[in-house]
Amino acid sequence: MQGAYDFKITNDHLGIACQQICQIRKMVKEGK
């Protein structure tokens, strides 16, 4: 059970990181 909980937290962190990367890429595209 603990492993599944850690896995969910990791997935949440990856999702947040992906959103931030997408925002940065969008800003870079609009900036150029």
PDB file of N, CA and C in Angstrom:
ATOM      1  N   MET A   1       0.833  -1.207   0.000  1.00  0.00           N
ATOM      2  CA  MET A   1       0.000   0.000   0.000  1.00  0.00           C
ATOM      3  C   MET A   1       0.865   1.254   0.000  1.00  0.00           C
ATOM      4  N   GLN A   2       1.930   1.228   0.767  1.00  0.00           N
ATOM      5  CA  GLN A   2       2.810   2.398   0.832  1.00  0.00           C
ATOM      6  C   GLN A   2       3.419   2.698  -0.539  1.00  0.00           C
ATOM      7  N   GLY A   3       3.791   1.639  -1.265  1.00  0.00           N
ATOM      8  CA  GLY A   3       4.397   1.845  -2.576  1.00  0.00           C
ATOM      9  C   GLY A   3       3.431   2.530  -3.532  1.00  0.00           C
ATOM     10  N   ALA A   4       2.164   2.137  -3.503  1.00  0.00           N
ATOM     11  CA  ALA A   4       1.173   2.750  -4.389  1.00  0.00           C
ATOM     12  C   ALA A   4       1.002   4.222  -4.042  1.00  0.00           C
ATOM     13  N   TYR A   5       1.058   4.530  -2.738  1.00  0.00           N
ATOM     14  CA  TYR A   5       0.905   5.931  -2.308  1.00  0.00           C
ATOM     15  C   TYR A   5       2.083   6.761  -2.809  1.00  0.00           C
ATOM     16  N   ASP A   6       3.304   6.231  -2.664  1.00  0.00           N
ATOM     17  CA  ASP A   6       4.486   6.943  -3.153  1.00  0.00           C
ATOM     18  C   ASP A   6       4.401   7.120  -4.668  1.00  0.00           C
ATOM     19  N   PHE A   7       3.898   6.085  -5.357  1.00  0.00           N
ATOM     20  CA  PHE A   7       3.793   6.151  -6.815  1.00  0.00           C
ATOM     21  C   PHE A   7       2.844   7.267  -7.234  1.00  0.00           C
ATOM     22  N   LYS A   8       1.728   7.421  -6.506  1.00  0.00           N
ATOM     23  CA  LYS A   8       0.769   8.470  -6.837  1.00  0.00           C
ATOM     24  C   LYS A   8       1.399   9.840  -6.633  1.00  0.00           C
ATOM     25  N   ILE A   9       2.139  10.014  -5.541  1.00  0.00           N
ATOM     26  CA  ILE A   9       2.796  11.305  -5.282  1.00  0.00           C
ATOM     27  C   ILE A   9       3.783  11.608  -6.411  1.00  0.00           C
ATOM     28  N   THR A  10       4.546  10.588  -6.823  1.00  0.00           N
ATOM     29  CA  THR A  10       5.514  10.785  -7.907  1.00  0.00           C
ATOM     30  C   THR A  10       4.793  11.199  -9.184  1.00  0.00           C
ATOM     31  N   ASN A  11       3.676  10.539  -9.490  1.00  0.00           N
ATOM     32  CA  ASN A  11       2.907  10.882 -10.689  1.00  0.00           C
ATOM     33  C   ASN A  11       2.403  12.319 -10.612  1.00  0.00           C
ATOM     34  N   ASP A  12       1.943  12.737  -9.423  1.00  0.00           N
ATOM     35  CA  ASP A  12       1.455  14.112  -9.265  1.00  0.00           C
ATOM     36  C   ASP A  12       2.591  15.095  -9.525  1.00  0.00           C
ATOM     37  N   HIS A  13       3.775  14.809  -8.992  1.00  0.00           N
ATOM     38  CA  HIS A  13       4.913  15.710  -9.190  1.00  0.00           C
ATOM     39  C   HIS A  13       5.293  15.769 -10.669  1.00  0.00           C
ATOM     40  N   LEU A  14       5.270  14.622 -11.349  1.00  0.00           N
ATOM     41  CA  LEU A  14       5.595  14.601 -12.773  1.00  0.00           C
ATOM     42  C   LEU A  14       4.576  15.422 -13.554  1.00  0.00           C
ATOM     43  N   GLY A  15       3.303  15.305 -13.185  1.00  0.00           N
ATOM     44  CA  GLY A  15       2.261  16.067 -13.871  1.00  0.00           C
ATOM     45  C   GLY A  15       2.479  17.558 -13.714  1.00  0.00           C
ATOM     46  N   ILE A  16       2.840  17.989 -12.503  1.00  0.00           N
ATOM     47  CA  ILE A  16       3.088  19.416 -12.258  1.00  0.00           C
ATOM     48  C   ILE A  16       4.300  19.861 -13.072  1.00  0.00           C
ATOM     49  N   ALA A  17       5.349  19.050 -13.106  1.00  0.00           N
ATOM     50  CA  ALA A  17       6.552  19.398 -13.855  1.00  0.00           C
ATOM     51  C   ALA A  17       6.226  19.526 -15.340  1.00  0.00           C
ATOM     52  N   CYS A  18       5.400  18.624 -15.877  1.00  0.00           N
ATOM     53  CA  CYS A  18       5.030  18.672 -17.293  1.00  0.00           C
ATOM     54  C   CYS A  18       4.265  19.956 -17.600  1.00  0.00           C
ATOM     55  N   GLN A  19       3.369  20.353 -16.692  1.00  0.00           N
ATOM     56  CA  GLN A  19       2.604  21.585 -16.898  1.00  0.00           C
ATOM     57  C   GLN A  19       3.549  22.784 -16.944  1.00  0.00           C
ATOM     58  N   GLN A  20       4.535  22.817 -16.040  1.00  0.00           N
ATOM     59  CA  GLN A  20       5.471  23.938 -16.003  1.00  0.00           C
ATOM     60  C   GLN A  20       6.296  23.976 -17.279  1.00  0.00           C
ATOM     61  N   ILE A  21       6.734  22.801 -17.752  1.00  0.00           N
ATOM     62  CA  ILE A  21       7.524  22.746 -18.987  1.00  0.00           C
ATOM     63  C   ILE A  21       6.689  23.236 -20.161  1.00  0.00           C
ATOM     64  N   CYS A  22       5.419  22.810 -20.213  1.00  0.00           N
ATOM     65  CA  CYS A  22       4.542  23.243 -21.304  1.00  0.00           C
ATOM     66  C   CYS A  22       4.374  24.758 -21.279  1.00  0.00           C
ATOM     67  N   GLN A  23       4.216  25.341 -20.098  1.00  0.00           N
ATOM     68  CA  GLN A  23       4.049  26.789 -19.988  1.00  0.00           C
ATOM     69  C   GLN A  23       5.308  27.498 -20.466  1.00  0.00           C
ATOM     70  N   ILE A  24       6.480  26.987 -20.078  1.00  0.00           N
ATOM     71  CA  ILE A  24       7.742  27.619 -20.481  1.00  0.00           C
ATOM     72  C   ILE A  24       7.896  27.534 -21.994  1.00  0.00           C
ATOM     73  N   ARG A  25       7.589  26.360 -22.571  1.00  0.00           N
ATOM     74  CA  ARG A  25       7.709  26.208 -24.023  1.00  0.00           C
ATOM     75  C   ARG A  25       6.786  27.182 -24.739  1.00  0.00           C
ATOM     76  N   LYS A  26       5.561  27.346 -24.209  1.00  0.00           N
ATOM     77  CA  LYS A  26       4.606  28.262 -24.833  1.00  0.00           C
ATOM     78  C   LYS A  26       5.142  29.687 -24.768  1.00  0.00           C
ATOM     79  N   MET A  27       5.716  30.065 -23.615  1.00  0.00           N
ATOM     80  CA  MET A  27       6.263  31.416 -23.460  1.00  0.00           C
ATOM     81  C   MET A  27       7.408  31.635 -24.436  1.00  0.00           C
ATOM     82  N   VAL A  28       8.258  30.619 -24.603  1.00  0.00           N
ATOM     83  CA  VAL A  28       9.397  30.746 -25.516  1.00  0.00           C
ATOM     84  C   VAL A  28       8.905  30.911 -26.950  1.00  0.00           C
ATOM     85  N   LYS A  29       7.888  30.121 -27.330  1.00  0.00           N
ATOM     86  CA  LYS A  29       7.358  30.223 -28.694  1.00  0.00           C
ATOM     87  C   LYS A  29       6.791  31.616 -28.940  1.00  0.00           C
ATOM     88  N   GLU A  30       6.028  32.137 -27.967  1.00  0.00           N
ATOM     89  CA  GLU A  30       5.417  33.453 -28.135  1.00  0.00           C
ATOM     90  C   GLU A  30       6.483  34.547 -28.095  1.00  0.00           C
ATOM     91  N   GLY A  31       7.576  34.285 -27.375  1.00  0.00           N
ATOM     92  CA  GLY A  31       8.630  35.289 -27.242  1.00  0.00           C
ATOM     93  C   GLY A  31       9.419  35.463 -28.528  1.00  0.00           C
ATOM     94  N   LYS A  32       9.549  34.378 -29.313  1.00  0.00           N
ATOM     95  CA  LYS A  32      10.364  34.459 -30.531  1.00  0.00           C
ATOM     96  C   LYS A  32       9.614  35.115 -31.679  1.00  0.00           C
TER      97      LYS A  32
END
